[in-house]
Amino acid sequence: MSREAIVAKRYAKALFELAQQHGVAADVEGQLQVVVEVIDGDAYVSKFFASPNIETGKKVALLQKALNGKVSDLLQNTLGLLIERGRLSALGEIYTAYKQVAGDALGQADAVVYTATSLSDEDLAKTAVQFGAITGKKIRAVQVVDPALLGGVQVRIGDRLYDGSLSGKLFRLEKTLKSQAL
């Protein structure tokens, strides 16, 4: 694990613990997601906060003015601290770590469901329920369509991949046949 990832996890854990104490853990997660999308999604905003020529106080003041009343004071203070310590560039990693910490604490997990064709919302929800029973967590699923799978489904939850795709089965069959041919 890189040094940045370790630092991001520490900030995320501290932010989650404070948010949980104040009963706003889910709100902070949503607000943090929006802030990450805005800062990372706009090249001018990213350059502004990354610029060493702009005083830290001006960056903090601008951020507070822009976010006042739109995010919790807890998140606003955390963002100010990140700017002061020169760690705002790690905000994306902090968000990812926050989701992981919050998910672990609240019994939730994010899943990416890969399919060859698009699933209905009902089928995606059923898939989430099935994998929730396997993992013992509440699954928040998003779908990605990948025609290379040919059929079936792959589900990635954290670092674990459940492969029930046709392409995966063909690959495993090919591997078995090659090992028996030797």
N, C-alpha and C. Protein backbone atom coordinates (compact mmCIF):
# COMPACT_ATOMS: atom_id res chain seq x y z
N MET A 1 0.85 -1.18 0.00
CA MET A 1 0.00 0.00 0.00
C MET A 1 0.90 1.24 0.00
N SER A 2 0.60 2.16 -0.88
CA SER A 2 1.41 3.37 -1.00
C SER A 2 1.21 4.29 0.20
N ARG A 3 2.14 5.18 0.36
CA ARG A 3 2.07 6.14 1.46
C ARG A 3 0.81 7.00 1.35
N GLU A 4 0.49 7.42 0.12
CA GLU A 4 -0.71 8.24 -0.10
C GLU A 4 -1.98 7.48 0.28
N ALA A 5 -2.02 6.19 -0.03
CA ALA A 5 -3.19 5.38 0.30
C ALA A 5 -3.33 5.24 1.82
N ILE A 6 -2.23 5.10 2.52
CA ILE A 6 -2.26 4.99 3.98
C ILE A 6 -2.75 6.30 4.59
N VAL A 7 -2.23 7.42 4.08
CA VAL A 7 -2.66 8.73 4.57
C VAL A 7 -4.15 8.94 4.28
N ALA A 8 -4.58 8.57 3.07
CA ALA A 8 -5.98 8.73 2.69
C ALA A 8 -6.88 7.91 3.61
N LYS A 9 -6.46 6.71 3.93
CA LYS A 9 -7.27 5.86 4.81
C LYS A 9 -7.37 6.46 6.21
N ARG A 10 -6.29 7.07 6.70
CA ARG A 10 -6.32 7.70 8.03
C ARG A 10 -7.29 8.87 8.05
N TYR A 11 -7.23 9.72 7.04
CA TYR A 11 -8.17 10.85 6.97
C TYR A 11 -9.61 10.33 6.85
N ALA A 12 -9.80 9.33 6.01
CA ALA A 12 -11.15 8.78 5.81
C ALA A 12 -11.70 8.19 7.10
N LYS A 13 -10.88 7.47 7.81
CA LYS A 13 -11.33 6.85 9.06
C LYS A 13 -11.68 7.92 10.09
N ALA A 14 -10.84 8.94 10.20
CA ALA A 14 -11.12 10.02 11.15
C ALA A 14 -12.40 10.76 10.77
N LEU A 15 -12.57 11.05 9.48
CA LEU A 15 -13.77 11.73 9.02
C LEU A 15 -15.01 10.89 9.28
N PHE A 16 -14.92 9.59 9.01
CA PHE A 16 -16.06 8.72 9.24
C PHE A 16 -16.42 8.66 10.72
N GLU A 17 -15.43 8.52 11.56
CA GLU A 17 -15.71 8.44 13.00
C GLU A 17 -16.40 9.70 13.51
N LEU A 18 -15.93 10.86 13.06
CA LEU A 18 -16.58 12.11 13.46
C LEU A 18 -18.00 12.21 12.88
N ALA A 19 -18.14 11.84 11.62
CA ALA A 19 -19.46 11.89 10.98
C ALA A 19 -20.44 10.93 11.66
N GLN A 20 -19.95 9.77 12.05
CA GLN A 20 -20.81 8.80 12.72
C GLN A 20 -21.23 9.32 14.10
N GLN A 21 -20.32 9.98 14.81
CA GLN A 21 -20.65 10.56 16.11
C GLN A 21 -21.75 11.61 15.99
N HIS A 22 -21.73 12.35 14.88
CA HIS A 22 -22.72 13.40 14.65
C HIS A 22 -23.95 12.88 13.89
N GLY A 23 -23.94 11.59 13.54
CA GLY A 23 -25.08 10.99 12.85
C GLY A 23 -25.25 11.42 11.41
N VAL A 24 -24.16 11.80 10.75
CA VAL A 24 -24.25 12.27 9.37
C VAL A 24 -23.32 11.50 8.43
N ALA A 25 -23.01 10.26 8.75
CA ALA A 25 -22.05 9.48 7.97
C ALA A 25 -22.48 9.33 6.51
N ALA A 26 -23.74 9.01 6.28
CA ALA A 26 -24.23 8.83 4.91
C ALA A 26 -24.26 10.17 4.16
N ASP A 27 -24.66 11.23 4.86
CA ASP A 27 -24.69 12.56 4.23
C ASP A 27 -23.29 12.99 3.81
N VAL A 28 -22.32 12.76 4.69
CA VAL A 28 -20.94 13.16 4.39
C VAL A 28 -20.43 12.38 3.19
N GLU A 29 -20.78 11.10 3.09
CA GLU A 29 -20.34 10.31 1.93
C GLU A 29 -20.85 10.91 0.63
N GLY A 30 -22.13 11.27 0.60
CA GLY A 30 -22.71 11.87 -0.60
C GLY A 30 -22.10 13.23 -0.92
N GLN A 31 -21.91 14.03 0.12
CA GLN A 31 -21.31 15.36 -0.07
C GLN A 31 -19.87 15.24 -0.55
N LEU A 32 -19.13 14.29 0.03
CA LEU A 32 -17.74 14.07 -0.37
C LEU A 32 -17.66 13.64 -1.83
N GLN A 33 -18.59 12.81 -2.25
CA GLN A 33 -18.62 12.37 -3.65
C GLN A 33 -18.80 13.56 -4.59
N VAL A 34 -19.72 14.45 -4.25
CA VAL A 34 -19.98 15.61 -5.10
C VAL A 34 -18.75 16.53 -5.14
N VAL A 35 -18.13 16.75 -3.99
CA VAL A 35 -16.94 17.62 -3.95
C VAL A 35 -15.82 17.02 -4.79
N VAL A 36 -15.61 15.71 -4.70
CA VAL A 36 -14.57 15.05 -5.49
C VAL A 36 -14.87 15.21 -6.98
N GLU A 37 -16.14 15.01 -7.37
CA GLU A 37 -16.51 15.14 -8.78
C GLU A 37 -16.28 16.55 -9.28
N VAL A 38 -16.58 17.55 -8.45
CA VAL A 38 -16.41 18.94 -8.87
C VAL A 38 -14.93 19.29 -8.98
N ILE A 39 -14.16 18.96 -7.96
CA ILE A 39 -12.74 19.34 -7.97
C ILE A 39 -11.96 18.55 -9.02
N ASP A 40 -12.16 17.24 -9.08
CA ASP A 40 -11.42 16.43 -10.04
C ASP A 40 -11.98 16.56 -11.45
N GLY A 41 -13.25 16.93 -11.57
CA GLY A 41 -13.89 17.00 -12.88
C GLY A 41 -13.67 18.29 -13.63
N ASP A 42 -13.17 19.31 -12.98
CA ASP A 42 -12.94 20.60 -13.61
C ASP A 42 -11.45 20.93 -13.56
N ALA A 43 -10.84 21.01 -14.73
CA ALA A 43 -9.39 21.22 -14.81
C ALA A 43 -8.98 22.56 -14.17
N TYR A 44 -9.80 23.59 -14.33
CA TYR A 44 -9.46 24.90 -13.77
C TYR A 44 -9.50 24.87 -12.24
N VAL A 45 -10.49 24.21 -11.69
CA VAL A 45 -10.60 24.11 -10.24
C VAL A 45 -9.42 23.30 -9.69
N SER A 46 -9.10 22.19 -10.36
CA SER A 46 -7.96 21.36 -9.93
C SER A 46 -6.66 22.16 -9.95
N LYS A 47 -6.45 22.92 -11.04
CA LYS A 47 -5.24 23.72 -11.15
C LYS A 47 -5.18 24.79 -10.07
N PHE A 48 -6.32 25.40 -9.78
CA PHE A 48 -6.37 26.43 -8.75
C PHE A 48 -5.90 25.88 -7.41
N PHE A 49 -6.46 24.74 -7.00
CA PHE A 49 -6.10 24.18 -5.70
C PHE A 49 -4.70 23.56 -5.69
N ALA A 50 -4.17 23.18 -6.85
CA ALA A 50 -2.83 22.61 -6.92
C ALA A 50 -1.75 23.68 -7.05
N SER A 51 -2.14 24.88 -7.39
CA SER A 51 -1.16 25.94 -7.64
C SER A 51 -0.43 26.36 -6.36
N PRO A 52 0.90 26.32 -6.39
CA PRO A 52 1.68 26.77 -5.23
C PRO A 52 1.75 28.30 -5.15
N ASN A 53 1.35 29.00 -6.22
CA ASN A 53 1.42 30.47 -6.25
C ASN A 53 0.25 31.13 -5.53
N ILE A 54 -0.78 30.37 -5.23
CA ILE A 54 -1.95 30.93 -4.56
C ILE A 54 -1.85 30.58 -3.08
N GLU A 55 -2.04 31.60 -2.25
CA GLU A 55 -1.92 31.40 -0.81
C GLU A 55 -2.95 30.41 -0.29
N THR A 56 -2.53 29.63 0.69
CA THR A 56 -3.40 28.62 1.28
C THR A 56 -4.66 29.26 1.86
N GLY A 57 -4.52 30.40 2.51
CA GLY A 57 -5.67 31.09 3.10
C GLY A 57 -6.72 31.46 2.06
N LYS A 58 -6.27 31.88 0.88
CA LYS A 58 -7.21 32.22 -0.20
C LYS A 58 -7.94 30.98 -0.70
N LYS A 59 -7.21 29.87 -0.77
CA LYS A 59 -7.85 28.62 -1.21
C LYS A 59 -8.92 28.19 -0.22
N VAL A 60 -8.58 28.24 1.07
CA VAL A 60 -9.53 27.84 2.11
C VAL A 60 -10.74 28.76 2.10
N ALA A 61 -10.50 30.08 2.00
CA ALA A 61 -11.60 31.05 2.00
C ALA A 61 -12.53 30.83 0.81
N LEU A 62 -11.97 30.59 -0.36
CA LEU A 62 -12.78 30.35 -1.55
C LEU A 62 -13.61 29.07 -1.39
N LEU A 63 -12.98 28.04 -0.88
CA LEU A 63 -13.69 26.78 -0.69
C LEU A 63 -14.82 26.94 0.31
N GLN A 64 -14.56 27.64 1.40
CA GLN A 64 -15.60 27.86 2.41
C GLN A 64 -16.76 28.68 1.84
N LYS A 65 -16.43 29.67 1.05
CA LYS A 65 -17.47 30.51 0.45
C LYS A 65 -18.30 29.69 -0.54
N ALA A 66 -17.65 28.86 -1.32
CA ALA A 66 -18.35 28.06 -2.33
C ALA A 66 -19.22 26.97 -1.71
N LEU A 67 -18.76 26.40 -0.59
CA LEU A 67 -19.46 25.26 0.00
C LEU A 67 -20.35 25.61 1.19
N ASN A 68 -20.34 26.88 1.61
CA ASN A 68 -21.08 27.29 2.79
C ASN A 68 -22.57 26.95 2.65
N GLY A 69 -23.07 26.14 3.58
CA GLY A 69 -24.47 25.73 3.57
C GLY A 69 -24.78 24.58 2.64
N LYS A 70 -23.81 24.16 1.84
CA LYS A 70 -24.04 23.07 0.89
C LYS A 70 -23.48 21.74 1.39
N VAL A 71 -22.49 21.81 2.26
CA VAL A 71 -21.92 20.60 2.87
C VAL A 71 -21.86 20.81 4.38
N SER A 72 -21.71 19.72 5.10
CA SER A 72 -21.65 19.82 6.55
C SER A 72 -20.39 20.57 6.98
N ASP A 73 -20.48 21.20 8.15
CA ASP A 73 -19.31 21.90 8.69
C ASP A 73 -18.15 20.93 8.88
N LEU A 74 -18.46 19.71 9.24
CA LEU A 74 -17.46 18.69 9.45
C LEU A 74 -16.64 18.46 8.18
N LEU A 75 -17.32 18.31 7.06
CA LEU A 75 -16.63 18.11 5.78
C LEU A 75 -15.89 19.38 5.37
N GLN A 76 -16.50 20.52 5.59
CA GLN A 76 -15.86 21.78 5.23
C GLN A 76 -14.56 21.97 6.02
N ASN A 77 -14.58 21.65 7.30
CA ASN A 77 -13.37 21.75 8.12
C ASN A 77 -12.31 20.77 7.67
N THR A 78 -12.74 19.57 7.29
CA THR A 78 -11.79 18.56 6.80
C THR A 78 -11.13 19.02 5.51
N LEU A 79 -11.92 19.58 4.60
CA LEU A 79 -11.36 20.08 3.34
C LEU A 79 -10.38 21.21 3.59
N GLY A 80 -10.71 22.10 4.53
CA GLY A 80 -9.79 23.17 4.89
C GLY A 80 -8.48 22.63 5.43
N LEU A 81 -8.58 21.59 6.26
CA LEU A 81 -7.38 20.96 6.81
C LEU A 81 -6.54 20.32 5.71
N LEU A 82 -7.20 19.68 4.76
CA LEU A 82 -6.48 19.07 3.64
C LEU A 82 -5.74 20.12 2.81
N ILE A 83 -6.37 21.25 2.61
CA ILE A 83 -5.72 22.33 1.86
C ILE A 83 -4.51 22.85 2.63
N GLU A 84 -4.70 23.10 3.93
CA GLU A 84 -3.61 23.63 4.75
C GLU A 84 -2.41 22.67 4.79
N ARG A 85 -2.67 21.40 4.77
CA ARG A 85 -1.59 20.41 4.84
C ARG A 85 -1.12 19.95 3.47
N GLY A 86 -1.65 20.55 2.41
CA GLY A 86 -1.21 20.22 1.05
C GLY A 86 -1.61 18.82 0.61
N ARG A 87 -2.74 18.35 1.09
CA ARG A 87 -3.17 16.99 0.78
C ARG A 87 -4.50 16.94 0.01
N LEU A 88 -4.94 18.04 -0.54
CA LEU A 88 -6.20 18.04 -1.27
C LEU A 88 -6.12 17.14 -2.51
N SER A 89 -4.92 16.93 -3.03
CA SER A 89 -4.76 16.06 -4.19
C SER A 89 -5.14 14.61 -3.87
N ALA A 90 -5.16 14.26 -2.60
CA ALA A 90 -5.53 12.90 -2.19
C ALA A 90 -7.03 12.75 -1.96
N LEU A 91 -7.82 13.76 -2.31
CA LEU A 91 -9.24 13.75 -2.01
C LEU A 91 -9.97 12.55 -2.64
N GLY A 92 -9.63 12.21 -3.85
CA GLY A 92 -10.25 11.05 -4.51
C GLY A 92 -9.98 9.76 -3.76
N GLU A 93 -8.73 9.60 -3.32
CA GLU A 93 -8.37 8.41 -2.55
C GLU A 93 -9.05 8.42 -1.18
N ILE A 94 -9.20 9.60 -0.61
CA ILE A 94 -9.88 9.71 0.68
C ILE A 94 -11.34 9.29 0.53
N TYR A 95 -11.98 9.71 -0.55
CA TYR A 95 -13.37 9.33 -0.80
C TYR A 95 -13.49 7.81 -0.95
N THR A 96 -12.60 7.21 -1.72
CA THR A 96 -12.62 5.77 -1.91
C THR A 96 -12.43 5.05 -0.58
N ALA A 97 -11.48 5.52 0.22
CA ALA A 97 -11.24 4.92 1.53
C ALA A 97 -12.43 5.14 2.46
N TYR A 98 -13.05 6.32 2.37
CA TYR A 98 -14.22 6.62 3.21
C TYR A 98 -15.35 5.63 2.91
N LYS A 99 -15.59 5.39 1.62
CA LYS A 99 -16.64 4.43 1.24
C LYS A 99 -16.34 3.05 1.81
N GLN A 100 -15.07 2.67 1.77
CA GLN A 100 -14.67 1.36 2.29
C GLN A 100 -14.87 1.29 3.80
N VAL A 101 -14.39 2.30 4.51
CA VAL A 101 -14.51 2.33 5.98
C VAL A 101 -15.98 2.37 6.39
N ALA A 102 -16.76 3.22 5.73
CA ALA A 102 -18.19 3.32 6.05
C ALA A 102 -18.91 2.02 5.73
N GLY A 103 -18.58 1.42 4.62
CA GLY A 103 -19.20 0.16 4.25
C GLY A 103 -18.91 -0.94 5.25
N ASP A 104 -17.65 -1.02 5.68
CA ASP A 104 -17.28 -2.03 6.67
C ASP A 104 -18.02 -1.81 7.98
N ALA A 105 -18.10 -0.56 8.41
CA ALA A 105 -18.74 -0.25 9.69
C ALA A 105 -20.26 -0.44 9.64
N LEU A 106 -20.84 -0.14 8.49
CA LEU A 106 -22.30 -0.20 8.37
C LEU A 106 -22.80 -1.49 7.72
N GLY A 107 -21.88 -2.42 7.42
CA GLY A 107 -22.29 -3.69 6.81
C GLY A 107 -22.73 -3.54 5.38
N GLN A 108 -22.08 -2.65 4.64
CA GLN A 108 -22.42 -2.43 3.24
C GLN A 108 -21.19 -2.70 2.37
N ALA A 109 -21.45 -3.00 1.12
CA ALA A 109 -20.36 -3.18 0.16
C ALA A 109 -20.84 -2.71 -1.21
N ASP A 110 -19.91 -2.20 -1.98
CA ASP A 110 -20.21 -1.78 -3.35
C ASP A 110 -19.86 -2.93 -4.29
N ALA A 111 -20.71 -3.16 -5.26
CA ALA A 111 -20.47 -4.22 -6.24
C ALA A 111 -20.61 -3.65 -7.64
N VAL A 112 -19.75 -4.11 -8.52
CA VAL A 112 -19.86 -3.78 -9.93
C VAL A 112 -20.31 -5.06 -10.63
N VAL A 113 -21.45 -4.99 -11.29
CA VAL A 113 -22.03 -6.14 -11.96
C VAL A 113 -21.78 -5.97 -13.46
N TYR A 114 -20.96 -6.87 -14.01
CA TYR A 114 -20.64 -6.83 -15.44
C TYR A 114 -21.52 -7.84 -16.16
N THR A 115 -22.21 -7.39 -17.21
CA THR A 115 -23.06 -8.27 -18.00
C THR A 115 -22.85 -7.98 -19.48
N ALA A 116 -23.21 -8.95 -20.31
CA ALA A 116 -23.08 -8.78 -21.76
C ALA A 116 -24.15 -7.85 -22.31
N THR A 117 -25.33 -7.88 -21.70
CA THR A 117 -26.42 -6.99 -22.09
C THR A 117 -26.96 -6.29 -20.84
N SER A 118 -27.69 -5.25 -21.05
CA SER A 118 -28.20 -4.45 -19.94
C SER A 118 -29.25 -5.22 -19.13
N LEU A 119 -29.13 -5.12 -17.81
CA LEU A 119 -30.13 -5.72 -16.91
C LEU A 119 -31.18 -4.68 -16.56
N SER A 120 -32.38 -5.16 -16.25
CA SER A 120 -33.41 -4.24 -15.75
C SER A 120 -33.05 -3.87 -14.32
N ASP A 121 -33.64 -2.81 -13.82
CA ASP A 121 -33.40 -2.39 -12.44
C ASP A 121 -33.79 -3.51 -11.47
N GLU A 122 -34.87 -4.21 -11.79
CA GLU A 122 -35.35 -5.30 -10.94
C GLU A 122 -34.32 -6.44 -10.88
N ASP A 123 -33.75 -6.80 -12.04
CA ASP A 123 -32.75 -7.87 -12.08
C ASP A 123 -31.47 -7.46 -11.36
N LEU A 124 -31.08 -6.21 -11.49
CA LEU A 124 -29.91 -5.71 -10.79
C LEU A 124 -30.14 -5.76 -9.28
N ALA A 125 -31.33 -5.40 -8.85
CA ALA A 125 -31.67 -5.46 -7.42
C ALA A 125 -31.66 -6.90 -6.92
N LYS A 126 -32.17 -7.83 -7.71
CA LYS A 126 -32.15 -9.25 -7.34
C LYS A 126 -30.73 -9.75 -7.21
N THR A 127 -29.88 -9.35 -8.13
CA THR A 127 -28.47 -9.74 -8.08
C THR A 127 -27.82 -9.20 -6.81
N ALA A 128 -28.12 -7.96 -6.46
CA ALA A 128 -27.58 -7.36 -5.25
C ALA A 128 -28.04 -8.13 -4.01
N VAL A 129 -29.30 -8.54 -3.99
CA VAL A 129 -29.83 -9.31 -2.85
C VAL A 129 -29.14 -10.67 -2.76
N GLN A 130 -28.94 -11.34 -3.90
CA GLN A 130 -28.29 -12.65 -3.91
C GLN A 130 -26.85 -12.56 -3.38
N PHE A 131 -26.12 -11.55 -3.83
CA PHE A 131 -24.74 -11.42 -3.37
C PHE A 131 -24.67 -10.86 -1.96
N GLY A 132 -25.71 -10.16 -1.54
CA GLY A 132 -25.79 -9.73 -0.15
C GLY A 132 -25.90 -10.94 0.78
N ALA A 133 -26.65 -11.96 0.34
CA ALA A 133 -26.78 -13.18 1.13
C ALA A 133 -25.45 -13.93 1.20
N ILE A 134 -24.68 -13.89 0.12
CA ILE A 134 -23.38 -14.56 0.09
C ILE A 134 -22.38 -13.86 1.00
N THR A 135 -22.34 -12.53 0.93
CA THR A 135 -21.33 -11.76 1.67
C THR A 135 -21.77 -11.38 3.07
N GLY A 136 -23.07 -11.42 3.32
CA GLY A 136 -23.58 -11.00 4.63
C GLY A 136 -23.60 -9.49 4.78
N LYS A 137 -23.58 -8.77 3.66
CA LYS A 137 -23.61 -7.31 3.68
C LYS A 137 -24.72 -6.81 2.77
N LYS A 138 -25.10 -5.55 2.97
CA LYS A 138 -26.05 -4.91 2.06
C LYS A 138 -25.24 -4.44 0.86
N ILE A 139 -25.61 -4.91 -0.31
CA ILE A 139 -24.86 -4.62 -1.53
C ILE A 139 -25.47 -3.44 -2.26
N ARG A 140 -24.59 -2.48 -2.62
CA ARG A 140 -24.98 -1.36 -3.49
C ARG A 140 -24.37 -1.67 -4.85
N ALA A 141 -25.21 -2.02 -5.82
CA ALA A 141 -24.72 -2.50 -7.10
C ALA A 141 -24.86 -1.46 -8.20
N VAL A 142 -23.85 -1.41 -9.04
CA VAL A 142 -23.90 -0.64 -10.28
C VAL A 142 -23.58 -1.60 -11.42
N GLN A 143 -24.12 -1.31 -12.58
CA GLN A 143 -23.95 -2.22 -13.71
C GLN A 143 -23.03 -1.63 -14.76
N VAL A 144 -22.22 -2.53 -15.35
CA VAL A 144 -21.38 -2.17 -16.48
C VAL A 144 -21.64 -3.20 -17.56
N VAL A 145 -21.99 -2.74 -18.76
CA VAL A 145 -22.23 -3.65 -19.87
C VAL A 145 -20.92 -3.90 -20.60
N ASP A 146 -20.56 -5.20 -20.73
CA ASP A 146 -19.32 -5.61 -21.38
C ASP A 146 -19.66 -6.75 -22.36
N PRO A 147 -19.86 -6.44 -23.65
CA PRO A 147 -20.25 -7.48 -24.61
C PRO A 147 -19.23 -8.61 -24.74
N ALA A 148 -17.99 -8.40 -24.33
CA ALA A 148 -16.96 -9.44 -24.41
C ALA A 148 -17.26 -10.62 -23.51
N LEU A 149 -18.17 -10.46 -22.55
CA LEU A 149 -18.51 -11.56 -21.64
C LEU A 149 -19.32 -12.65 -22.34
N LEU A 150 -19.94 -12.31 -23.47
CA LEU A 150 -20.76 -13.20 -24.28
C LEU A 150 -22.10 -13.55 -23.62
N GLY A 151 -22.13 -13.72 -22.33
CA GLY A 151 -23.33 -14.05 -21.58
C GLY A 151 -22.97 -14.26 -20.13
N GLY A 152 -23.97 -14.39 -19.28
CA GLY A 152 -23.70 -14.60 -17.86
C GLY A 152 -23.39 -13.28 -17.16
N VAL A 153 -22.72 -13.40 -16.02
CA VAL A 153 -22.47 -12.22 -15.20
C VAL A 153 -21.14 -12.37 -14.44
N GLN A 154 -20.47 -11.25 -14.25
CA GLN A 154 -19.32 -11.17 -13.35
C GLN A 154 -19.67 -10.12 -12.31
N VAL A 155 -19.35 -10.40 -11.05
CA VAL A 155 -19.62 -9.45 -9.99
C VAL A 155 -18.33 -9.23 -9.21
N ARG A 156 -17.93 -7.96 -9.12
CA ARG A 156 -16.73 -7.61 -8.35
C ARG A 156 -17.18 -6.87 -7.10
N ILE A 157 -16.82 -7.44 -5.95
CA ILE A 157 -17.09 -6.83 -4.65
C ILE A 157 -15.75 -6.69 -3.96
N GLY A 158 -15.29 -5.45 -3.85
CA GLY A 158 -13.96 -5.22 -3.28
C GLY A 158 -12.91 -5.83 -4.19
N ASP A 159 -12.07 -6.70 -3.65
CA ASP A 159 -11.02 -7.33 -4.46
C ASP A 159 -11.40 -8.75 -4.88
N ARG A 160 -12.66 -9.12 -4.68
CA ARG A 160 -13.12 -10.46 -5.01
C ARG A 160 -13.97 -10.42 -6.27
N LEU A 161 -13.72 -11.36 -7.18
CA LEU A 161 -14.47 -11.45 -8.43
C LEU A 161 -15.21 -12.78 -8.48
N TYR A 162 -16.52 -12.69 -8.65
CA TYR A 162 -17.36 -13.87 -8.86
C TYR A 162 -17.64 -13.93 -10.35
N ASP A 163 -17.13 -14.98 -11.02
CA ASP A 163 -17.22 -15.05 -12.47
C ASP A 163 -18.15 -16.16 -12.91
N GLY A 164 -19.32 -15.78 -13.38
CA GLY A 164 -20.28 -16.72 -13.94
C GLY A 164 -20.54 -16.41 -15.40
N SER A 165 -19.56 -15.77 -16.04
CA SER A 165 -19.74 -15.37 -17.44
C SER A 165 -19.38 -16.52 -18.37
N LEU A 166 -19.94 -16.48 -19.55
CA LEU A 166 -19.66 -17.50 -20.56
C LEU A 166 -18.18 -17.44 -20.97
N SER A 167 -17.65 -16.24 -21.14
CA SER A 167 -16.24 -16.12 -21.52
C SER A 167 -15.33 -16.68 -20.43
N GLY A 168 -15.70 -16.48 -19.17
CA GLY A 168 -14.91 -17.02 -18.06
C GLY A 168 -14.97 -18.54 -18.04
N LYS A 169 -16.15 -19.10 -18.28
CA LYS A 169 -16.29 -20.56 -18.30
C LYS A 169 -15.50 -21.16 -19.46
N LEU A 170 -15.54 -20.52 -20.63
CA LEU A 170 -14.76 -21.00 -21.78
C LEU A 170 -13.27 -20.94 -21.49
N PHE A 171 -12.82 -19.89 -20.83
CA PHE A 171 -11.41 -19.76 -20.47
C PHE A 171 -11.00 -20.88 -19.53
N ARG A 172 -11.83 -21.15 -18.51
CA ARG A 172 -11.50 -22.22 -17.55
C ARG A 172 -11.51 -23.59 -18.24
N LEU A 173 -12.44 -23.80 -19.17
CA LEU A 173 -12.49 -25.07 -19.91
C LEU A 173 -11.23 -25.23 -20.76
N GLU A 174 -10.83 -24.16 -21.44
CA GLU A 174 -9.62 -24.19 -22.26
C GLU A 174 -8.40 -24.52 -21.40
N LYS A 175 -8.31 -23.91 -20.25
CA LYS A 175 -7.19 -24.13 -19.33
C LYS A 175 -7.15 -25.58 -18.87
N THR A 176 -8.30 -26.15 -18.55
CA THR A 176 -8.40 -27.54 -18.11
C THR A 176 -7.97 -28.49 -19.24
N LEU A 177 -8.46 -28.22 -20.43
CA LEU A 177 -8.12 -29.08 -21.57
C LEU A 177 -6.63 -29.03 -21.89
N LYS A 178 -6.05 -27.86 -21.81
CA LYS A 178 -4.61 -27.72 -22.06
C LYS A 178 -3.78 -28.44 -21.00
N SER A 179 -4.20 -28.36 -19.75
CA SER A 179 -3.45 -29.02 -18.69
C SER A 179 -3.56 -30.54 -18.81
N GLN A 180 -4.69 -31.06 -19.29
CA GLN A 180 -4.86 -32.50 -19.46
C GLN A 180 -4.13 -33.02 -20.69
N ALA A 181 -3.94 -32.15 -21.68
CA ALA A 181 -3.27 -32.55 -22.92
C ALA A 181 -1.77 -32.71 -22.72
N LEU A 182 -1.24 -32.06 -21.71
CA LEU A 182 0.20 -32.15 -21.46
C LEU A 182 0.48 -33.44 -20.81
